[in-house]
Amino acid sequence: MKQKIIDCLAQHGWAKDRIVDAFSKTFETVVAPKRAGIWLRFERECDRWWLTNGEFTSAGENVLAGSFAIFPSGMPHIEIEATVAALVAGMEGSIAEAYSVRLLGQREQEGSPNTPRHKG
């Protein structure tokens, strides 16, 4: 089950750390590329896997602070895929709305040859 979660994250561009069960993906921001991360852990008491402790801080706010997914033991592979896809979509949506990423989008639009510019 753990490997299926790892494989699903990899399909979405999230890379596993070589040593610990942490995953990361780099996103462009107005300042410089910035890495987002999330951790995978097993909770023996409830017999389930968690993706939790997301981290992507922009303007002092961790936009992934509330991001998590729960994978009960025995969860079918198709549900694992759907759960990971939903989590990744939510996290990447939050990152896209982060201040430093929004500024990058505004700067790119202002520099675009198709964008009308103010002439004064």
C-alpha atoms as a PDB file:
ATOM      1  CA  MET A   1       0.000   0.000   0.000  1.00  0.00           C
ATOM      2  CA  LYS A   2       2.821   2.378   0.869  1.00  0.00           C
ATOM      3  CA  GLN A   3       4.420   1.815  -2.526  1.00  0.00           C
ATOM      4  CA  LYS A   4       1.120   2.562  -4.287  1.00  0.00           C
ATOM      5  CA  ILE A   5       0.900   5.916  -2.481  1.00  0.00           C
ATOM      6  CA  ILE A   6       4.514   6.663  -3.426  1.00  0.00           C
ATOM      7  CA  ASP A   7       3.854   5.721  -7.065  1.00  0.00           C
ATOM      8  CA  CYS A   8       0.729   7.891  -7.220  1.00  0.00           C
ATOM      9  CA  LEU A   9       2.577  10.914  -5.856  1.00  0.00           C
ATOM     10  CA  ALA A  10       5.372  10.326  -8.381  1.00  0.00           C
ATOM     11  CA  GLN A  11       2.829  10.347 -11.210  1.00  0.00           C
ATOM     12  CA  HIS A  12       1.925  13.873 -10.128  1.00  0.00           C
ATOM     13  CA  GLY A  13       5.544  15.011 -10.023  1.00  0.00           C
ATOM     14  CA  TRP A  14       6.122  14.690  -6.264  1.00  0.00           C
ATOM     15  CA  ALA A  15       9.518  13.098  -5.546  1.00  0.00           C
ATOM     16  CA  LYS A  16      10.276  10.927  -2.517  1.00  0.00           C
ATOM     17  CA  ASP A  17      13.275  11.720  -0.370  1.00  0.00           C
ATOM     18  CA  ARG A  18      15.981   9.043  -0.538  1.00  0.00           C
ATOM     19  CA  ILE A  19      16.006   8.495   3.225  1.00  0.00           C
ATOM     20  CA  VAL A  20      12.724   9.505   4.866  1.00  0.00           C
ATOM     21  CA  ASP A  21       9.090   9.281   3.772  1.00  0.00           C
ATOM     22  CA  ALA A  22       8.871  12.912   2.706  1.00  0.00           C
ATOM     23  CA  PHE A  23       7.833  14.101  -0.749  1.00  0.00           C
ATOM     24  CA  SER A  24       8.593  17.364  -2.476  1.00  0.00           C
ATOM     25  CA  LYS A  25       7.940  19.306  -5.622  1.00  0.00           C
ATOM     26  CA  THR A  26       9.453  22.607  -6.702  1.00  0.00           C
ATOM     27  CA  PHE A  27       7.296  25.524  -7.820  1.00  0.00           C
ATOM     28  CA  GLU A  28       8.285  28.805  -9.425  1.00  0.00           C
ATOM     29  CA  THR A  29       7.673  31.941  -7.365  1.00  0.00           C
ATOM     30  CA  VAL A  30       8.327  35.625  -7.977  1.00  0.00           C
ATOM     31  CA  VAL A  31      11.513  35.428  -5.880  1.00  0.00           C
ATOM     32  CA  ALA A  32      13.017  32.028  -6.760  1.00  0.00           C
ATOM     33  CA  PRO A  33      11.953  28.384  -7.115  1.00  0.00           C
ATOM     34  CA  LYS A  34      10.540  27.086  -3.814  1.00  0.00           C
ATOM     35  CA  ARG A  35      10.034  23.527  -2.651  1.00  0.00           C
ATOM     36  CA  ALA A  36       6.754  22.251  -1.229  1.00  0.00           C
ATOM     37  CA  GLY A  37       6.688  19.147   0.908  1.00  0.00           C
ATOM     38  CA  ILE A  38       4.439  16.625   2.607  1.00  0.00           C
ATOM     39  CA  TRP A  39       5.131  13.611   4.848  1.00  0.00           C
ATOM     40  CA  LEU A  40       3.852  10.040   4.704  1.00  0.00           C
ATOM     41  CA  ARG A  41       3.510   8.182   7.990  1.00  0.00           C
ATOM     42  CA  PHE A  42       1.866   5.046   9.298  1.00  0.00           C
ATOM     43  CA  GLU A  43      -0.373   5.185  12.359  1.00  0.00           C
ATOM     44  CA  ARG A  44      -0.400   1.746  13.972  1.00  0.00           C
ATOM     45  CA  GLU A  45      -3.138   2.545  16.473  1.00  0.00           C
ATOM     46  CA  CYS A  46      -5.686   3.170  13.703  1.00  0.00           C
ATOM     47  CA  ASP A  47      -4.023   0.936  11.091  1.00  0.00           C
ATOM     48  CA  ARG A  48      -3.783   3.609   8.405  1.00  0.00           C
ATOM     49  CA  TRP A  49      -1.362   5.703   6.351  1.00  0.00           C
ATOM     50  CA  TRP A  50      -1.401   9.494   6.421  1.00  0.00           C
ATOM     51  CA  LEU A  51      -0.076  12.162   4.111  1.00  0.00           C
ATOM     52  CA  THR A  52       0.267  15.135   6.423  1.00  0.00           C
ATOM     53  CA  ASN A  53       2.357  18.082   7.600  1.00  0.00           C
ATOM     54  CA  GLY A  54       2.336  19.885   4.250  1.00  0.00           C
ATOM     55  CA  GLU A  55       4.712  22.832   3.935  1.00  0.00           C
ATOM     56  CA  PHE A  56       4.834  25.713   1.453  1.00  0.00           C
ATOM     57  CA  THR A  57       5.322  29.063   3.113  1.00  0.00           C
ATOM     58  CA  SER A  58       4.655  32.274   1.235  1.00  0.00           C
ATOM     59  CA  ALA A  59       4.484  35.710   2.863  1.00  0.00           C
ATOM     60  CA  GLY A  60       4.660  34.043   6.271  1.00  0.00           C
ATOM     61  CA  GLU A  61       1.722  31.698   5.627  1.00  0.00           C
ATOM     62  CA  ASN A  62       2.015  27.925   5.266  1.00  0.00           C
ATOM     63  CA  VAL A  63      -0.640  27.378   2.594  1.00  0.00           C
ATOM     64  CA  LEU A  64      -0.414  23.579   3.001  1.00  0.00           C
ATOM     65  CA  ALA A  65      -0.856  23.550   6.786  1.00  0.00           C
ATOM     66  CA  GLY A  66      -4.277  21.912   6.590  1.00  0.00           C
ATOM     67  CA  SER A  67      -3.484  19.491   3.790  1.00  0.00           C
ATOM     68  CA  PHE A  68      -3.809  15.797   4.583  1.00  0.00           C
ATOM     69  CA  ALA A  69      -5.122  12.483   3.263  1.00  0.00           C
ATOM     70  CA  ILE A  70      -5.966   9.277   5.120  1.00  0.00           C
ATOM     71  CA  PHE A  71      -5.474   5.794   3.643  1.00  0.00           C
ATOM     72  CA  PRO A  72      -7.028   3.023   5.764  1.00  0.00           C
ATOM     73  CA  SER A  73      -5.276  -0.333   5.450  1.00  0.00           C
ATOM     74  CA  GLY A  74      -6.768  -2.386   2.662  1.00  0.00           C
ATOM     75  CA  MET A  75      -7.947   0.639   0.698  1.00  0.00           C
ATOM     76  CA  PRO A  76      -8.411  -0.376  -2.977  1.00  0.00           C
ATOM     77  CA  HIS A  77      -5.792   0.940  -5.414  1.00  0.00           C
ATOM     78  CA  ILE A  78      -8.348   2.935  -7.395  1.00  0.00           C
ATOM     79  CA  GLU A  79      -9.365   4.776  -4.210  1.00  0.00           C
ATOM     80  CA  ILE A  80      -5.713   5.430  -3.351  1.00  0.00           C
ATOM     81  CA  GLU A  81      -5.235   6.955  -6.815  1.00  0.00           C
ATOM     82  CA  ALA A  82      -8.341   9.124  -6.436  1.00  0.00           C
ATOM     83  CA  THR A  83      -7.374  10.240  -2.924  1.00  0.00           C
ATOM     84  CA  VAL A  84      -3.833  11.187  -3.962  1.00  0.00           C
ATOM     85  CA  ALA A  85      -5.137  13.009  -7.063  1.00  0.00           C
ATOM     86  CA  ALA A  86      -7.607  15.004  -4.952  1.00  0.00           C
ATOM     87  CA  LEU A  87      -4.952  15.861  -2.365  1.00  0.00           C
ATOM     88  CA  VAL A  88      -2.438  16.947  -5.010  1.00  0.00           C
ATOM     89  CA  ALA A  89      -5.054  19.065  -6.814  1.00  0.00           C
ATOM     90  CA  GLY A  90      -5.952  20.771  -3.540  1.00  0.00           C
ATOM     91  CA  MET A  91      -2.328  21.368  -2.555  1.00  0.00           C
ATOM     92  CA  GLU A  92      -1.300  22.666  -5.964  1.00  0.00           C
ATOM     93  CA  GLY A  93      -4.392  24.888  -6.033  1.00  0.00           C
ATOM     94  CA  SER A  94      -3.383  26.332  -2.653  1.00  0.00           C
ATOM     95  CA  ILE A  95       0.164  26.866  -3.915  1.00  0.00           C
ATOM     96  CA  ALA A  96      -1.131  28.617  -7.043  1.00  0.00           C
ATOM     97  CA  GLU A  97      -3.010  31.024  -4.753  1.00  0.00           C
ATOM     98  CA  ALA A  98       0.045  31.676  -2.552  1.00  0.00           C
ATOM     99  CA  TYR A  99       1.199  35.288  -2.603  1.00  0.00           C
ATOM    100  CA  SER A 100       4.644  34.648  -4.138  1.00  0.00           C
ATOM    101  CA  VAL A 101       3.153  32.487  -6.905  1.00  0.00           C
ATOM    102  CA  ARG A 102       0.323  34.924  -7.669  1.00  0.00           C
ATOM    103  CA  LEU A 103       2.875  37.753  -7.966  1.00  0.00           C
ATOM    104  CA  LEU A 104       4.840  35.688 -10.468  1.00  0.00           C
ATOM    105  CA  GLY A 105       1.689  35.247 -12.564  1.00  0.00           C
ATOM    106  CA  GLN A 106       0.985  38.981 -12.433  1.00  0.00           C
ATOM    107  CA  ARG A 107       4.548  39.812 -13.431  1.00  0.00           C
ATOM    108  CA  GLU A 108       4.414  37.353 -16.344  1.00  0.00           C
ATOM    109  CA  GLN A 109       1.112  38.831 -17.541  1.00  0.00           C
ATOM    110  CA  GLU A 110       2.537  42.359 -17.385  1.00  0.00           C
ATOM    111  CA  GLY A 111       5.549  41.265 -19.413  1.00  0.00           C
ATOM    112  CA  SER A 112       3.508  39.359 -21.987  1.00  0.00           C
ATOM    113  CA  PRO A 113       3.503  40.845 -25.504  1.00  0.00           C
ATOM    114  CA  ASN A 114      -0.259  40.171 -25.645  1.00  0.00           C
ATOM    115  CA  THR A 115      -0.979  42.202 -22.516  1.00  0.00           C
ATOM    116  CA  PRO A 116      -2.074  45.804 -23.100  1.00  0.00           C
ATOM    117  CA  ARG A 117       0.292  48.184 -21.331  1.00  0.00           C
ATOM    118  CA  HIS A 118      -0.443  51.565 -19.865  1.00  0.00           C
ATOM    119  CA  LYS A 119       1.141  54.355 -21.900  1.00  0.00           C
ATOM    120  CA  GLY A 120       1.348  57.716 -20.271  1.00  0.00           C
END
